[in-house]
Each structure stands twice: as structure tokens, then as C-alpha cells.
Amino acid sequence: MKKLLAIVLLFSTFGLAGCFESGGLVGKWESDKIMGMQNAYEFKADSMVVRVMGSEQEFLIDGYVSEKGRLGVVMRGDSKITVWFDSIDNDTIRPSAFGNNQLNYHRVK
């Protein structure tokens, strides 16, 4: 029993470490529907997939950062551009690069 508990704790620790490293972004996120259309992000360990109006593009990333209630995705390349998302709660984010954008994205479970 102790061995099983130790294994569960070990896997839980590694799983939580991965969440903190990515700021909790890793996974699929879908937007609120507007006029029947829905956009999506999928964050992976080394890439970000963006789905907008039926089109999909994958971008390579160098990692994740967090700062004052915002989560950032560091894009791969010479300029090291960071794409920022406001963290509304654990299951809701909002891109912050578009000024007053009120389009929320919700974690897909």
C-alpha cells in the first residue's frame, strides 16, 4: 500500500510540475461562440496550434512565462515575441494582445 501511495505521489508531483512550468496553459481551449463560429488554441510542450474560422496553424514555441495574472507563450525565433493571455480563472483565459478583446477561451475537459 505504501509503495502504491509513493508511486501516485511521484506521478502527481511530476504532473503538477508540468502545469506550473506552462502556467497551466497546456491543453485545448475553445472560445465562446459568436455567430455560430468558434476559435480554439491548443498549447503543447513545444508548440501552439491556433484555429481561427476553420483555418489551423501551428507555431513552435520556446516555453511559457507568467507575470501578474497573465500567462505568456514565448514564440520561437530571433525576436522572442511573447503572446500574452489574461488568466480569468483556472479554466478561462483571454488573449491580451488585442486591447479590449472580450473573447474568452475555456479549457476543454
C-alpha atoms as a PDB file:
ATOM      1  CA  MET A   1       0.000   0.000   0.000  1.00  0.00           C
ATOM      2  CA  LYS A   2       2.826   2.406   0.879  1.00  0.00           C
ATOM      3  CA  LYS A   3       4.515   1.613  -2.425  1.00  0.00           C
ATOM      4  CA  LEU A   4       1.315   2.418  -4.346  1.00  0.00           C
ATOM      5  CA  LEU A   5       0.915   5.710  -2.457  1.00  0.00           C
ATOM      6  CA  ALA A   6       4.532   6.649  -3.204  1.00  0.00           C
ATOM      7  CA  ILE A   7       4.030   5.969  -6.927  1.00  0.00           C
ATOM      8  CA  VAL A   8       0.814   8.042  -7.033  1.00  0.00           C
ATOM      9  CA  LEU A   9       2.546  10.943  -5.237  1.00  0.00           C
ATOM     10  CA  LEU A  10       5.513  10.743  -7.610  1.00  0.00           C
ATOM     11  CA  PHE A  11       3.326  10.939 -10.726  1.00  0.00           C
ATOM     12  CA  SER A  12       1.218  13.713  -9.170  1.00  0.00           C
ATOM     13  CA  THR A  13       4.332  15.751  -8.427  1.00  0.00           C
ATOM     14  CA  PHE A  14       5.640  15.453 -11.988  1.00  0.00           C
ATOM     15  CA  GLY A  15       2.198  16.283 -13.385  1.00  0.00           C
ATOM     16  CA  LEU A  16       1.902  19.387 -11.204  1.00  0.00           C
ATOM     17  CA  ALA A  17       5.425  20.496 -12.102  1.00  0.00           C
ATOM     18  CA  GLY A  18       4.469  20.415 -15.774  1.00  0.00           C
ATOM     19  CA  CYS A  19       1.407  22.583 -15.082  1.00  0.00           C
ATOM     20  CA  PHE A  20       3.448  25.190 -13.233  1.00  0.00           C
ATOM     21  CA  GLU A  21       6.094  25.296 -15.972  1.00  0.00           C
ATOM     22  CA  SER A  22       3.435  26.042 -18.593  1.00  0.00           C
ATOM     23  CA  GLY A  23       1.442  28.334 -16.333  1.00  0.00           C
ATOM     24  CA  GLY A  24      -1.416  25.864 -16.641  1.00  0.00           C
ATOM     25  CA  LEU A  25      -1.946  26.600 -20.357  1.00  0.00           C
ATOM     26  CA  VAL A  26      -1.124  23.164 -21.783  1.00  0.00           C
ATOM     27  CA  GLY A  27      -4.253  21.645 -23.271  1.00  0.00           C
ATOM     28  CA  LYS A  28      -7.126  22.651 -25.533  1.00  0.00           C
ATOM     29  CA  TRP A  29      -9.085  25.902 -25.170  1.00  0.00           C
ATOM     30  CA  GLU A  30     -12.217  26.929 -27.107  1.00  0.00           C
ATOM     31  CA  SER A  31     -13.715  30.394 -27.433  1.00  0.00           C
ATOM     32  CA  ASP A  32     -17.236  31.494 -26.770  1.00  0.00           C
ATOM     33  CA  LYS A  33     -19.323  31.050 -29.920  1.00  0.00           C
ATOM     34  CA  ILE A  34     -20.003  34.189 -31.910  1.00  0.00           C
ATOM     35  CA  MET A  35     -22.495  33.931 -34.754  1.00  0.00           C
ATOM     36  CA  GLY A  36     -22.064  30.138 -34.681  1.00  0.00           C
ATOM     37  CA  MET A  37     -18.271  30.287 -35.081  1.00  0.00           C
ATOM     38  CA  GLN A  38     -15.750  29.107 -32.519  1.00  0.00           C
ATOM     39  CA  ASN A  39     -11.986  29.638 -32.387  1.00  0.00           C
ATOM     40  CA  ALA A  40      -9.528  27.490 -30.448  1.00  0.00           C
ATOM     41  CA  TYR A  41      -5.999  27.258 -29.077  1.00  0.00           C
ATOM     42  CA  GLU A  42      -4.127  24.091 -28.265  1.00  0.00           C
ATOM     43  CA  PHE A  43      -0.990  24.506 -26.177  1.00  0.00           C
ATOM     44  CA  LYS A  44       1.586  21.730 -26.259  1.00  0.00           C
ATOM     45  CA  ALA A  45       5.050  21.401 -24.711  1.00  0.00           C
ATOM     46  CA  ASP A  46       6.788  22.875 -27.761  1.00  0.00           C
ATOM     47  CA  SER A  47       4.054  24.373 -29.950  1.00  0.00           C
ATOM     48  CA  MET A  48       0.819  26.334 -30.048  1.00  0.00           C
ATOM     49  CA  VAL A  49      -1.951  25.450 -32.518  1.00  0.00           C
ATOM     50  CA  VAL A  50      -4.328  28.282 -33.450  1.00  0.00           C
ATOM     51  CA  ARG A  51      -7.689  27.542 -35.087  1.00  0.00           C
ATOM     52  CA  VAL A  52      -9.496  30.596 -36.468  1.00  0.00           C
ATOM     53  CA  MET A  53     -12.553  30.463 -38.716  1.00  0.00           C
ATOM     54  CA  GLY A  54     -11.830  26.902 -39.861  1.00  0.00           C
ATOM     55  CA  SER A  55      -8.149  27.549 -40.602  1.00  0.00           C
ATOM     56  CA  GLU A  56      -5.419  25.977 -38.463  1.00  0.00           C
ATOM     57  CA  GLN A  57      -1.762  26.946 -37.991  1.00  0.00           C
ATOM     58  CA  GLU A  58       0.880  25.550 -35.659  1.00  0.00           C
ATOM     59  CA  PHE A  59       3.646  27.741 -34.203  1.00  0.00           C
ATOM     60  CA  LEU A  60       6.794  26.472 -32.486  1.00  0.00           C
ATOM     61  CA  ILE A  61       7.424  27.920 -29.038  1.00  0.00           C
ATOM     62  CA  ASP A  62      10.362  28.171 -26.661  1.00  0.00           C
ATOM     63  CA  GLY A  63       8.341  27.998 -23.460  1.00  0.00           C
ATOM     64  CA  TYR A  64       5.887  29.640 -21.106  1.00  0.00           C
ATOM     65  CA  VAL A  65       6.145  32.557 -18.670  1.00  0.00           C
ATOM     66  CA  SER A  66       3.787  34.100 -16.123  1.00  0.00           C
ATOM     67  CA  GLU A  67       3.580  37.635 -14.810  1.00  0.00           C
ATOM     68  CA  LYS A  68       0.967  39.452 -12.696  1.00  0.00           C
ATOM     69  CA  GLY A  69      -2.092  37.366 -13.571  1.00  0.00           C
ATOM     70  CA  ARG A  70      -1.003  36.904 -17.183  1.00  0.00           C
ATOM     71  CA  LEU A  71       0.335  33.814 -18.905  1.00  0.00           C
ATOM     72  CA  GLY A  72       2.731  34.144 -21.822  1.00  0.00           C
ATOM     73  CA  VAL A  73       3.798  31.928 -24.690  1.00  0.00           C
ATOM     74  CA  VAL A  74       7.342  32.678 -25.910  1.00  0.00           C
ATOM     75  CA  MET A  75       7.410  32.223 -29.671  1.00  0.00           C
ATOM     76  CA  ARG A  76      10.461  30.552 -31.229  1.00  0.00           C
ATOM     77  CA  GLY A  77      12.682  32.803 -33.331  1.00  0.00           C
ATOM     78  CA  ASP A  78      15.192  35.622 -33.112  1.00  0.00           C
ATOM     79  CA  SER A  79      12.774  38.241 -31.760  1.00  0.00           C
ATOM     80  CA  LYS A  80      11.421  36.062 -28.880  1.00  0.00           C
ATOM     81  CA  ILE A  81       7.926  37.589 -29.110  1.00  0.00           C
ATOM     82  CA  THR A  82       5.674  36.698 -26.173  1.00  0.00           C
ATOM     83  CA  VAL A  83       1.937  36.234 -26.786  1.00  0.00           C
ATOM     84  CA  TRP A  84       0.073  37.138 -23.570  1.00  0.00           C
ATOM     85  CA  PHE A  85      -3.178  35.760 -22.159  1.00  0.00           C
ATOM     86  CA  ASP A  86      -5.049  37.166 -19.172  1.00  0.00           C
ATOM     87  CA  SER A  87      -5.888  34.443 -16.687  1.00  0.00           C
ATOM     88  CA  ILE A  88      -9.539  34.952 -15.710  1.00  0.00           C
ATOM     89  CA  ASP A  89      -9.672  31.759 -13.628  1.00  0.00           C
ATOM     90  CA  ASN A  90      -8.228  28.224 -13.847  1.00  0.00           C
ATOM     91  CA  ASP A  91     -10.485  27.359 -16.775  1.00  0.00           C
ATOM     92  CA  THR A  92     -10.789  30.718 -18.606  1.00  0.00           C
ATOM     93  CA  ILE A  93      -8.221  32.815 -20.468  1.00  0.00           C
ATOM     94  CA  ARG A  94      -8.460  35.876 -22.707  1.00  0.00           C
ATOM     95  CA  PRO A  95      -5.855  36.975 -25.288  1.00  0.00           C
ATOM     96  CA  SER A  96      -4.480  40.317 -24.100  1.00  0.00           C
ATOM     97  CA  ALA A  97      -2.800  41.377 -27.355  1.00  0.00           C
ATOM     98  CA  PHE A  98      -5.996  42.783 -28.832  1.00  0.00           C
ATOM     99  CA  GLY A  99      -6.739  45.646 -26.446  1.00  0.00           C
ATOM    100  CA  ASN A 100     -10.359  45.469 -25.336  1.00  0.00           C
ATOM    101  CA  ASN A 101     -10.913  41.975 -26.716  1.00  0.00           C
ATOM    102  CA  GLN A 102     -13.601  40.321 -24.611  1.00  0.00           C
ATOM    103  CA  LEU A 103     -13.477  36.908 -26.296  1.00  0.00           C
ATOM    104  CA  ASN A 104     -12.933  34.311 -23.583  1.00  0.00           C
ATOM    105  CA  TYR A 105     -11.462  30.860 -24.131  1.00  0.00           C
ATOM    106  CA  HIS A 106     -12.484  27.971 -21.890  1.00  0.00           C
ATOM    107  CA  ARG A 107     -10.478  24.842 -21.093  1.00  0.00           C
ATOM    108  CA  VAL A 108     -11.802  21.771 -22.891  1.00  0.00           C
ATOM    109  CA  LYS A 109     -12.186  18.914 -20.422  1.00  0.00           C
END
